[in-house]
Amino acid sequence: MKYLRSLRFFFVALTPAGRTGLLIVMFWILIAVFGQMFAPYSVNDIGAGSLFGGMSKDYWLGTDYLGRDMLTRIMAGSRYSIGLALTAALLASVIGTMLALLAAVTGSWVEEILGRINDALLVLPGKVLSLMIVAVFGSSLPMLIITAVFTYWPGAYRIAFALASQLRNMDYVRAAKLRGESRWYLAISEILPNMIHPMLTDFGLRFVYIVLLLSGLSFLGLGVQPPQADWGSLVRENLQGLFDGAPAILMPAIAIASLTIGVNLFIDSLQHMRQLPLVQEGV
């Protein structure tokens, strides 16, 4: 009951836009996890309907270029669009944060080396770097995750190091250092807890970037490969239906847009919540 009350308080504390964003994000996560259990057709049920069919009572979101149900295809594609992006964003944020903590508590040559490597990677355009990696090493699912992590951990490192370099000079960190605490104790117990909220915000933004990156790679034919398909792949393979205004090309694009908008609304609301105590204290 205490846990449920905390969730209810958190939900009520969000702005109306934040609640809307959270509901959109939770909807797509539930679709990604349980969608296949409730899908009306088999994901590869070729020829079940007419080619580029419109919305009907049998096919709520129309059919694709092979007559397959688009609702089922979008449900199946959500596992790849959300699952790959969530995994890559989590790894990128964890790697960037841990390296930033290492640089902050170690200093000297470790900070210098990591800083130079990070600067070098940030200079490279992310999408161009991703295209190069995929073109050289292929586009298997693990490779797509590695590509997204390699592209986006430098940004997470930059944000985390900026926070950690400020926090390491705080009085409570200095006091812990004088007590003889180890560097990793300072990093994990003293600095990291005070970085959680900004890094969670950065994680949400990084998730959106990676969703768009992987969708873009799939649209170019370098992302998720058949027979699997994410939302970017669904847009690409149904591109012929653009001239007829077929739902088969519109619905995956709407799915991508709704997920990214939902995440952004939720993140903006979290930033508002974090600023509220400061506003109240100022009053």
C-alpha atoms as a PDB file:
ATOM      1  CA  MET A   1       0.000   0.000   0.000  1.00  0.00           C
ATOM      2  CA  LYS A   2       2.844   2.384   0.807  1.00  0.00           C
ATOM      3  CA  TYR A   3       4.356   1.677  -2.610  1.00  0.00           C
ATOM      4  CA  LEU A   4       1.022   2.349  -4.330  1.00  0.00           C
ATOM      5  CA  ARG A   5       0.613   5.617  -2.411  1.00  0.00           C
ATOM      6  CA  SER A   6       4.080   6.698  -3.529  1.00  0.00           C
ATOM      7  CA  LEU A   7       3.229   5.932  -7.163  1.00  0.00           C
ATOM      8  CA  ARG A   8      -0.059   7.824  -6.835  1.00  0.00           C
ATOM      9  CA  PHE A   9       1.702  10.825  -5.287  1.00  0.00           C
ATOM     10  CA  PHE A  10       4.299  10.776  -8.075  1.00  0.00           C
ATOM     11  CA  PHE A  11       1.606  10.618 -10.759  1.00  0.00           C
ATOM     12  CA  VAL A  12      -0.424  13.450  -9.188  1.00  0.00           C
ATOM     13  CA  ALA A  13       2.718  15.587  -8.791  1.00  0.00           C
ATOM     14  CA  LEU A  14       3.307  15.494 -12.548  1.00  0.00           C
ATOM     15  CA  THR A  15       1.939  18.246 -14.747  1.00  0.00           C
ATOM     16  CA  PRO A  16      -1.061  17.330 -16.943  1.00  0.00           C
ATOM     17  CA  ALA A  17       1.281  17.126 -19.931  1.00  0.00           C
ATOM     18  CA  GLY A  18       3.637  14.910 -17.919  1.00  0.00           C
ATOM     19  CA  ARG A  19       0.817  12.540 -16.996  1.00  0.00           C
ATOM     20  CA  THR A  20      -0.195  12.339 -20.650  1.00  0.00           C
ATOM     21  CA  GLY A  21       3.398  11.596 -21.642  1.00  0.00           C
ATOM     22  CA  LEU A  22       3.757   8.929 -18.954  1.00  0.00           C
ATOM     23  CA  LEU A  23       0.536   7.210 -20.066  1.00  0.00           C
ATOM     24  CA  ILE A  24       1.731   7.205 -23.697  1.00  0.00           C
ATOM     25  CA  VAL A  25       5.102   5.729 -22.711  1.00  0.00           C
ATOM     26  CA  MET A  26       3.507   3.072 -20.482  1.00  0.00           C
ATOM     27  CA  PHE A  27       1.074   2.183 -23.270  1.00  0.00           C
ATOM     28  CA  TRP A  28       3.901   1.484 -25.710  1.00  0.00           C
ATOM     29  CA  ILE A  29       5.929  -0.420 -23.131  1.00  0.00           C
ATOM     30  CA  LEU A  30       2.927  -2.662 -22.416  1.00  0.00           C
ATOM     31  CA  ILE A  31       2.445  -3.155 -26.157  1.00  0.00           C
ATOM     32  CA  ALA A  32       6.104  -4.120 -26.540  1.00  0.00           C
ATOM     33  CA  VAL A  33       5.922  -6.629 -23.666  1.00  0.00           C
ATOM     34  CA  PHE A  34       2.446  -8.126 -24.105  1.00  0.00           C
ATOM     35  CA  GLY A  35       1.366  -7.041 -27.600  1.00  0.00           C
ATOM     36  CA  GLN A  36       2.137 -10.348 -29.284  1.00  0.00           C
ATOM     37  CA  MET A  37      -0.211 -12.142 -26.874  1.00  0.00           C
ATOM     38  CA  PHE A  38      -3.166 -10.036 -28.058  1.00  0.00           C
ATOM     39  CA  ALA A  39      -2.239  -9.551 -31.713  1.00  0.00           C
ATOM     40  CA  PRO A  40      -5.237 -10.358 -33.965  1.00  0.00           C
ATOM     41  CA  TYR A  41      -3.164 -12.123 -36.646  1.00  0.00           C
ATOM     42  CA  SER A  42       0.167 -13.846 -37.146  1.00  0.00           C
ATOM     43  CA  VAL A  43       2.941 -11.361 -37.803  1.00  0.00           C
ATOM     44  CA  ASN A  44       3.824 -13.005 -41.142  1.00  0.00           C
ATOM     45  CA  ASP A  45       0.292 -13.891 -42.294  1.00  0.00           C
ATOM     46  CA  ILE A  46       0.933 -12.960 -45.928  1.00  0.00           C
ATOM     47  CA  GLY A  47      -2.038 -12.319 -48.182  1.00  0.00           C
ATOM     48  CA  ALA A  48      -4.629 -12.224 -45.409  1.00  0.00           C
ATOM     49  CA  GLY A  49      -5.963  -8.909 -46.702  1.00  0.00           C
ATOM     50  CA  SER A  50      -5.770  -6.705 -49.781  1.00  0.00           C
ATOM     51  CA  LEU A  51      -2.521  -4.918 -50.602  1.00  0.00           C
ATOM     52  CA  PHE A  52      -2.313  -1.502 -48.914  1.00  0.00           C
ATOM     53  CA  GLY A  53      -5.843  -1.965 -47.638  1.00  0.00           C
ATOM     54  CA  GLY A  54      -7.574   0.761 -45.680  1.00  0.00           C
ATOM     55  CA  MET A  55      -8.868   0.646 -42.115  1.00  0.00           C
ATOM     56  CA  SER A  56     -11.757  -1.733 -41.529  1.00  0.00           C
ATOM     57  CA  LYS A  57     -13.358  -3.765 -38.773  1.00  0.00           C
ATOM     58  CA  ASP A  58     -11.067  -6.691 -39.660  1.00  0.00           C
ATOM     59  CA  TYR A  59      -7.906  -4.609 -40.088  1.00  0.00           C
ATOM     60  CA  TRP A  60      -8.036  -1.643 -37.721  1.00  0.00           C
ATOM     61  CA  LEU A  61      -4.845  -0.045 -39.068  1.00  0.00           C
ATOM     62  CA  GLY A  62      -5.071  -1.372 -42.612  1.00  0.00           C
ATOM     63  CA  THR A  63      -2.760  -3.832 -44.355  1.00  0.00           C
ATOM     64  CA  ASP A  64       0.759  -3.552 -45.767  1.00  0.00           C
ATOM     65  CA  TYR A  65       2.276  -4.185 -49.199  1.00  0.00           C
ATOM     66  CA  LEU A  66       1.860  -7.960 -48.722  1.00  0.00           C
ATOM     67  CA  GLY A  67      -1.619  -7.843 -47.236  1.00  0.00           C
ATOM     68  CA  ARG A  68      -0.447  -8.331 -43.637  1.00  0.00           C
ATOM     69  CA  ASP A  69      -2.277  -6.736 -40.721  1.00  0.00           C
ATOM     70  CA  MET A  70      -0.530  -3.475 -39.745  1.00  0.00           C
ATOM     71  CA  LEU A  71      -1.763  -3.529 -36.141  1.00  0.00           C
ATOM     72  CA  THR A  72      -0.023  -6.875 -35.648  1.00  0.00           C
ATOM     73  CA  ARG A  73       3.111  -5.637 -37.434  1.00  0.00           C
ATOM     74  CA  ILE A  74       3.298  -2.494 -35.291  1.00  0.00           C
ATOM     75  CA  MET A  75       2.827  -4.537 -32.114  1.00  0.00           C
ATOM     76  CA  ALA A  76       5.650  -6.844 -33.174  1.00  0.00           C
ATOM     77  CA  GLY A  77       7.860  -3.956 -34.275  1.00  0.00           C
ATOM     78  CA  SER A  78       7.511  -2.212 -30.913  1.00  0.00           C
ATOM     79  CA  ARG A  79       9.639  -4.949 -29.321  1.00  0.00           C
ATOM     80  CA  TYR A  80      12.577  -3.952 -31.503  1.00  0.00           C
ATOM     81  CA  SER A  81      12.039  -0.176 -31.582  1.00  0.00           C
ATOM     82  CA  ILE A  82      11.596   0.081 -27.815  1.00  0.00           C
ATOM     83  CA  GLY A  83      13.651  -2.906 -26.658  1.00  0.00           C
ATOM     84  CA  LEU A  84      16.795  -2.085 -28.637  1.00  0.00           C
ATOM     85  CA  ALA A  85      16.611   1.630 -27.810  1.00  0.00           C
ATOM     86  CA  LEU A  86      15.972   1.006 -24.110  1.00  0.00           C
ATOM     87  CA  THR A  87      18.882  -1.429 -23.841  1.00  0.00           C
ATOM     88  CA  ALA A  88      21.262   0.861 -25.725  1.00  0.00           C
ATOM     89  CA  ALA A  89      20.208   3.968 -23.771  1.00  0.00           C
ATOM     90  CA  LEU A  90      20.666   2.163 -20.469  1.00  0.00           C
ATOM     91  CA  LEU A  91      24.130   0.905 -21.436  1.00  0.00           C
ATOM     92  CA  ALA A  92      25.204   4.294 -22.815  1.00  0.00           C
ATOM     93  CA  SER A  93      24.075   6.092 -19.647  1.00  0.00           C
ATOM     94  CA  VAL A  94      25.671   3.562 -17.294  1.00  0.00           C
ATOM     95  CA  ILE A  95      28.983   3.507 -19.194  1.00  0.00           C
ATOM     96  CA  GLY A  96      29.108   7.293 -19.472  1.00  0.00           C
ATOM     97  CA  THR A  97      28.231   7.793 -15.803  1.00  0.00           C
ATOM     98  CA  MET A  98      30.688   5.215 -14.484  1.00  0.00           C
ATOM     99  CA  LEU A  99      33.566   6.598 -16.573  1.00  0.00           C
ATOM    100  CA  ALA A 100      32.678  10.132 -15.465  1.00  0.00           C
ATOM    101  CA  LEU A 101      32.745   9.073 -11.805  1.00  0.00           C
ATOM    102  CA  LEU A 102      36.098   7.366 -12.377  1.00  0.00           C
ATOM    103  CA  ALA A 103      37.526  10.524 -13.921  1.00  0.00           C
ATOM    104  CA  ALA A 104      36.068  12.752 -11.199  1.00  0.00           C
ATOM    105  CA  VAL A 105      37.431  10.806  -8.208  1.00  0.00           C
ATOM    106  CA  THR A 106      40.745   9.823  -9.817  1.00  0.00           C
ATOM    107  CA  GLY A 107      41.690  13.057 -11.541  1.00  0.00           C
ATOM    108  CA  SER A 108      45.146  13.634 -13.066  1.00  0.00           C
ATOM    109  CA  TRP A 109      45.997  11.556 -16.136  1.00  0.00           C
ATOM    110  CA  VAL A 110      42.838   9.377 -16.052  1.00  0.00           C
ATOM    111  CA  GLU A 111      40.619  12.450 -16.284  1.00  0.00           C
ATOM    112  CA  GLU A 112      42.803  13.828 -19.072  1.00  0.00           C
ATOM    113  CA  ILE A 113      42.751  10.652 -21.173  1.00  0.00           C
ATOM    114  CA  LEU A 114      39.000  10.083 -20.818  1.00  0.00           C
ATOM    115  CA  GLY A 115      38.347  13.736 -21.562  1.00  0.00           C
ATOM    116  CA  ARG A 116      40.407  13.635 -24.764  1.00  0.00           C
ATOM    117  CA  ILE A 117      38.741  10.429 -25.965  1.00  0.00           C
ATOM    118  CA  ASN A 118      35.320  11.899 -25.226  1.00  0.00           C
ATOM    119  CA  ASP A 119      36.138  15.132 -27.077  1.00  0.00           C
ATOM    120  CA  ALA A 120      37.370  13.179 -30.102  1.00  0.00           C
ATOM    121  CA  LEU A 121      34.166  11.119 -30.286  1.00  0.00           C
ATOM    122  CA  LEU A 122      31.931  14.155 -29.824  1.00  0.00           C
ATOM    123  CA  VAL A 123      33.550  15.859 -32.804  1.00  0.00           C
ATOM    124  CA  LEU A 124      32.372  13.055 -35.098  1.00  0.00           C
ATOM    125  CA  PRO A 125      28.764  13.430 -36.360  1.00  0.00           C
ATOM    126  CA  GLY A 126      26.771  10.738 -34.575  1.00  0.00           C
ATOM    127  CA  LYS A 127      24.683   9.561 -37.506  1.00  0.00           C
ATOM    128  CA  VAL A 128      27.666   9.443 -39.846  1.00  0.00           C
ATOM    129  CA  LEU A 129      29.609   7.444 -37.255  1.00  0.00           C
ATOM    130  CA  SER A 130      26.683   5.021 -36.900  1.00  0.00           C
ATOM    131  CA  LEU A 131      26.451   4.537 -40.657  1.00  0.00           C
ATOM    132  CA  MET A 132      30.183   3.784 -40.824  1.00  0.00           C
ATOM    133  CA  ILE A 133      30.016   1.225 -38.004  1.00  0.00           C
ATOM    134  CA  VAL A 134      26.976  -0.562 -39.441  1.00  0.00           C
ATOM    135  CA  ALA A 135      28.447  -0.546 -42.959  1.00  0.00           C
ATOM    136  CA  VAL A 136      31.683  -2.144 -41.702  1.00  0.00           C
ATOM    137  CA  PHE A 137      30.405  -4.598 -39.082  1.00  0.00           C
ATOM    138  CA  GLY A 138      26.875  -5.381 -40.287  1.00  0.00           C
ATOM    139  CA  SER A 139      23.454  -4.746 -38.787  1.00  0.00           C
ATOM    140  CA  SER A 140      22.738  -7.649 -36.456  1.00  0.00           C
ATOM    141  CA  LEU A 141      20.696  -6.815 -33.367  1.00  0.00           C
ATOM    142  CA  PRO A 142      23.726  -6.905 -30.992  1.00  0.00           C
ATOM    143  CA  MET A 143      25.688  -4.750 -33.435  1.00  0.00           C
ATOM    144  CA  LEU A 144      22.895  -2.171 -33.584  1.00  0.00           C
ATOM    145  CA  ILE A 145      22.960  -1.921 -29.783  1.00  0.00           C
ATOM    146  CA  ILE A 146      26.757  -1.571 -29.763  1.00  0.00           C
ATOM    147  CA  THR A 147      26.542   1.095 -32.476  1.00  0.00           C
ATOM    148  CA  ALA A 148      24.001   3.149 -30.527  1.00  0.00           C
ATOM    149  CA  VAL A 149      25.980   2.790 -27.284  1.00  0.00           C
ATOM    150  CA  PHE A 150      29.255   3.794 -28.966  1.00  0.00           C
ATOM    151  CA  THR A 151      27.540   6.792 -30.560  1.00  0.00           C
ATOM    152  CA  TYR A 152      25.796   8.120 -27.448  1.00  0.00           C
ATOM    153  CA  TRP A 153      27.931   7.280 -24.401  1.00  0.00           C
ATOM    154  CA  PRO A 154      30.200  10.338 -24.965  1.00  0.00           C
ATOM    155  CA  GLY A 155      27.208  12.643 -24.494  1.00  0.00           C
ATOM    156  CA  ALA A 156      26.247  10.855 -21.281  1.00  0.00           C
ATOM    157  CA  TYR A 157      29.873  11.116 -20.099  1.00  0.00           C
ATOM    158  CA  ARG A 158      29.964  14.863 -20.729  1.00  0.00           C
ATOM    159  CA  ILE A 159      26.794  15.508 -18.690  1.00  0.00           C
ATOM    160  CA  ALA A 160      27.818  13.149 -15.883  1.00  0.00           C
ATOM    161  CA  PHE A 161      31.347  14.537 -15.617  1.00  0.00           C
ATOM    162  CA  ALA A 162      30.070  18.113 -15.464  1.00  0.00           C
ATOM    163  CA  LEU A 163      27.877  17.110 -12.513  1.00  0.00           C
ATOM    164  CA  ALA A 164      30.507  14.964 -10.798  1.00  0.00           C
ATOM    165  CA  SER A 165      33.249  17.608 -11.113  1.00  0.00           C
ATOM    166  CA  GLN A 166      31.013  20.065  -9.240  1.00  0.00           C
ATOM    167  CA  LEU A 167      29.931  17.600  -6.579  1.00  0.00           C
ATOM    168  CA  ARG A 168      33.465  16.393  -5.784  1.00  0.00           C
ATOM    169  CA  ASN A 169      34.251  19.832  -4.341  1.00  0.00           C
ATOM    170  CA  MET A 170      31.272  19.861  -1.992  1.00  0.00           C
ATOM    171  CA  ASP A 171      31.929  19.919   1.764  1.00  0.00           C
ATOM    172  CA  TYR A 172      30.333  16.544   2.468  1.00  0.00           C
ATOM    173  CA  VAL A 173      32.573  14.889  -0.155  1.00  0.00           C
ATOM    174  CA  ARG A 174      35.638  16.579   1.330  1.00  0.00           C
ATOM    175  CA  ALA A 175      34.597  15.396   4.804  1.00  0.00           C
ATOM    176  CA  ALA A 176      34.251  11.809   3.570  1.00  0.00           C
ATOM    177  CA  LYS A 177      37.685  12.052   1.955  1.00  0.00           C
ATOM    178  CA  LEU A 178      39.193  13.265   5.244  1.00  0.00           C
ATOM    179  CA  ARG A 179      37.610  10.265   7.003  1.00  0.00           C
ATOM    180  CA  GLY A 180      39.741   8.093   4.745  1.00  0.00           C
ATOM    181  CA  GLU A 181      36.929   6.722   2.576  1.00  0.00           C
ATOM    182  CA  SER A 182      37.965   5.014  -0.668  1.00  0.00           C
ATOM    183  CA  ARG A 183      37.517   6.641  -4.055  1.00  0.00           C
ATOM    184  CA  TRP A 184      34.741   4.270  -5.058  1.00  0.00           C
ATOM    185  CA  TYR A 185      32.916   4.966  -1.809  1.00  0.00           C
ATOM    186  CA  LEU A 186      33.072   8.670  -2.634  1.00  0.00           C
ATOM    187  CA  ALA A 187      31.839   7.994  -6.163  1.00  0.00           C
ATOM    188  CA  ILE A 188      29.008   5.561  -5.370  1.00  0.00           C
ATOM    189  CA  SER A 189      27.841   6.746  -1.948  1.00  0.00           C
ATOM    190  CA  GLU A 190      28.517  10.487  -1.951  1.00  0.00           C
ATOM    191  CA  ILE A 191      28.515  11.755  -5.553  1.00  0.00           C
ATOM    192  CA  LEU A 192      26.265   9.389  -7.532  1.00  0.00           C
ATOM    193  CA  PRO A 193      23.071   9.784  -5.416  1.00  0.00           C
ATOM    194  CA  ASN A 194      23.115  13.523  -6.084  1.00  0.00           C
ATOM    195  CA  MET A 195      23.420  12.945  -9.837  1.00  0.00           C
ATOM    196  CA  ILE A 196      20.467  10.586 -10.191  1.00  0.00           C
ATOM    197  CA  HIS A 197      17.738  13.066 -11.178  1.00  0.00           C
ATOM    198  CA  PRO A 198      19.717  14.920 -13.878  1.00  0.00           C
ATOM    199  CA  MET A 199      21.037  11.638 -15.266  1.00  0.00           C
ATOM    200  CA  LEU A 200      17.537  10.155 -15.414  1.00  0.00           C
ATOM    201  CA  THR A 201      16.476  13.176 -17.448  1.00  0.00           C
ATOM    202  CA  ASP A 202      19.481  12.681 -19.720  1.00  0.00           C
ATOM    203  CA  PHE A 203      18.626   8.971 -20.003  1.00  0.00           C
ATOM    204  CA  GLY A 204      15.146   9.829 -21.283  1.00  0.00           C
ATOM    205  CA  LEU A 205      16.529  12.187 -23.905  1.00  0.00           C
ATOM    206  CA  ARG A 206      19.154   9.640 -24.928  1.00  0.00           C
ATOM    207  CA  PHE A 207      16.403   7.031 -25.329  1.00  0.00           C
ATOM    208  CA  VAL A 208      14.562   9.341 -27.743  1.00  0.00           C
ATOM    209  CA  TYR A 209      17.742   9.984 -29.730  1.00  0.00           C
ATOM    210  CA  ILE A 210      18.427   6.271 -30.040  1.00  0.00           C
ATOM    211  CA  VAL A 211      14.845   5.487 -31.104  1.00  0.00           C
ATOM    212  CA  LEU A 212      15.211   8.031 -33.899  1.00  0.00           C
ATOM    213  CA  LEU A 213      18.704   6.783 -34.785  1.00  0.00           C
ATOM    214  CA  LEU A 214      17.660   3.122 -35.067  1.00  0.00           C
ATOM    215  CA  SER A 215      14.487   4.044 -36.954  1.00  0.00           C
ATOM    216  CA  GLY A 216      16.571   6.095 -39.372  1.00  0.00           C
ATOM    217  CA  LEU A 217      19.013   3.234 -39.922  1.00  0.00           C
ATOM    218  CA  SER A 218      16.122   0.849 -40.547  1.00  0.00           C
ATOM    219  CA  PHE A 219      14.539   3.290 -42.988  1.00  0.00           C
ATOM    220  CA  LEU A 220      17.817   3.246 -44.928  1.00  0.00           C
ATOM    221  CA  GLY A 221      17.854  -0.558 -44.886  1.00  0.00           C
ATOM    222  CA  LEU A 222      20.788  -0.734 -42.423  1.00  0.00           C
ATOM    223  CA  GLY A 223      18.843  -1.435 -39.239  1.00  0.00           C
ATOM    224  CA  VAL A 224      16.677  -4.366 -38.205  1.00  0.00           C
ATOM    225  CA  GLN A 225      16.642  -6.886 -41.042  1.00  0.00           C
ATOM    226  CA  PRO A 226      13.793  -9.145 -42.304  1.00  0.00           C
ATOM    227  CA  PRO A 227      11.989 -11.192 -41.147  1.00  0.00           C
ATOM    228  CA  GLN A 228      12.182  -8.951 -38.055  1.00  0.00           C
ATOM    229  CA  ALA A 229      10.986  -5.372 -38.445  1.00  0.00           C
ATOM    230  CA  ASP A 230      10.946  -2.297 -36.275  1.00  0.00           C
ATOM    231  CA  TRP A 231       8.877   0.817 -36.929  1.00  0.00           C
ATOM    232  CA  GLY A 232      11.513   2.333 -39.214  1.00  0.00           C
ATOM    233  CA  SER A 233      11.521  -0.839 -41.310  1.00  0.00           C
ATOM    234  CA  LEU A 234       7.740  -0.732 -41.560  1.00  0.00           C
ATOM    235  CA  VAL A 235       7.894   2.799 -42.973  1.00  0.00           C
ATOM    236  CA  ARG A 236      10.548   1.817 -45.523  1.00  0.00           C
ATOM    237  CA  GLU A 237       8.899  -1.360 -46.798  1.00  0.00           C
ATOM    238  CA  ASN A 238       5.543   0.372 -47.273  1.00  0.00           C
ATOM    239  CA  LEU A 239       6.939   3.488 -48.945  1.00  0.00           C
ATOM    240  CA  GLN A 240       5.027   2.688 -52.147  1.00  0.00           C
ATOM    241  CA  GLY A 241       1.785   3.348 -50.298  1.00  0.00           C
ATOM    242  CA  LEU A 242       2.725   6.995 -49.719  1.00  0.00           C
ATOM    243  CA  PHE A 243       1.181   8.087 -53.014  1.00  0.00           C
ATOM    244  CA  ASP A 244      -2.135   6.441 -52.106  1.00  0.00           C
ATOM    245  CA  GLY A 245      -2.147   7.684 -48.510  1.00  0.00           C
ATOM    246  CA  ALA A 246      -2.172   4.100 -47.238  1.00  0.00           C
ATOM    247  CA  PRO A 247      -2.354   3.667 -43.434  1.00  0.00           C
ATOM    248  CA  ALA A 248       0.504   1.167 -43.736  1.00  0.00           C
ATOM    249  CA  ILE A 249       3.048   3.981 -44.038  1.00  0.00           C
ATOM    250  CA  LEU A 250       1.323   6.503 -41.772  1.00  0.00           C
ATOM    251  CA  MET A 251       0.783   4.310 -38.707  1.00  0.00           C
ATOM    252  CA  PRO A 252       4.433   3.326 -37.996  1.00  0.00           C
ATOM    253  CA  ALA A 253       5.417   6.996 -38.386  1.00  0.00           C
ATOM    254  CA  ILE A 254       2.674   7.987 -35.942  1.00  0.00           C
ATOM    255  CA  ALA A 255       3.918   5.318 -33.507  1.00  0.00           C
ATOM    256  CA  ILE A 256       7.460   6.757 -33.616  1.00  0.00           C
ATOM    257  CA  ALA A 257       6.161  10.311 -33.204  1.00  0.00           C
ATOM    258  CA  SER A 258       3.836   9.450 -30.306  1.00  0.00           C
ATOM    259  CA  LEU A 259       6.580   7.626 -28.385  1.00  0.00           C
ATOM    260  CA  THR A 260       9.095  10.447 -28.763  1.00  0.00           C
ATOM    261  CA  ILE A 261       6.509  13.107 -27.862  1.00  0.00           C
ATOM    262  CA  GLY A 262       5.369  11.092 -24.841  1.00  0.00           C
ATOM    263  CA  VAL A 263       8.919  10.713 -23.524  1.00  0.00           C
ATOM    264  CA  ASN A 264       9.633  14.416 -24.008  1.00  0.00           C
ATOM    265  CA  LEU A 265       6.445  15.453 -22.198  1.00  0.00           C
ATOM    266  CA  PHE A 266       7.316  13.170 -19.289  1.00  0.00           C
ATOM    267  CA  ILE A 267      10.912  14.442 -19.092  1.00  0.00           C
ATOM    268  CA  ASP A 268       9.798  18.072 -19.126  1.00  0.00           C
ATOM    269  CA  SER A 269       7.435  17.332 -16.247  1.00  0.00           C
ATOM    270  CA  LEU A 270      10.242  15.687 -14.249  1.00  0.00           C
ATOM    271  CA  GLN A 271      12.360  18.815 -14.672  1.00  0.00           C
ATOM    272  CA  HIS A 272       9.414  20.883 -13.435  1.00  0.00           C
ATOM    273  CA  MET A 273       9.038  18.650 -10.374  1.00  0.00           C
ATOM    274  CA  ARG A 274      12.739  18.997  -9.563  1.00  0.00           C
ATOM    275  CA  GLN A 275      12.521  22.780  -9.721  1.00  0.00           C
ATOM    276  CA  LEU A 276       9.409  23.110  -7.575  1.00  0.00           C
ATOM    277  CA  PRO A 277      11.158  22.857  -4.157  1.00  0.00           C
ATOM    278  CA  LEU A 278      13.647  25.539  -5.272  1.00  0.00           C
ATOM    279  CA  VAL A 279      10.798  27.844  -6.273  1.00  0.00           C
ATOM    280  CA  GLN A 280       9.037  27.300  -2.966  1.00  0.00           C
ATOM    281  CA  GLU A 281      12.202  28.016  -0.989  1.00  0.00           C
ATOM    282  CA  GLY A 282      12.741  31.197  -3.007  1.00  0.00           C
ATOM    283  CA  VAL A 283       9.234  32.376  -2.115  1.00  0.00           C
END
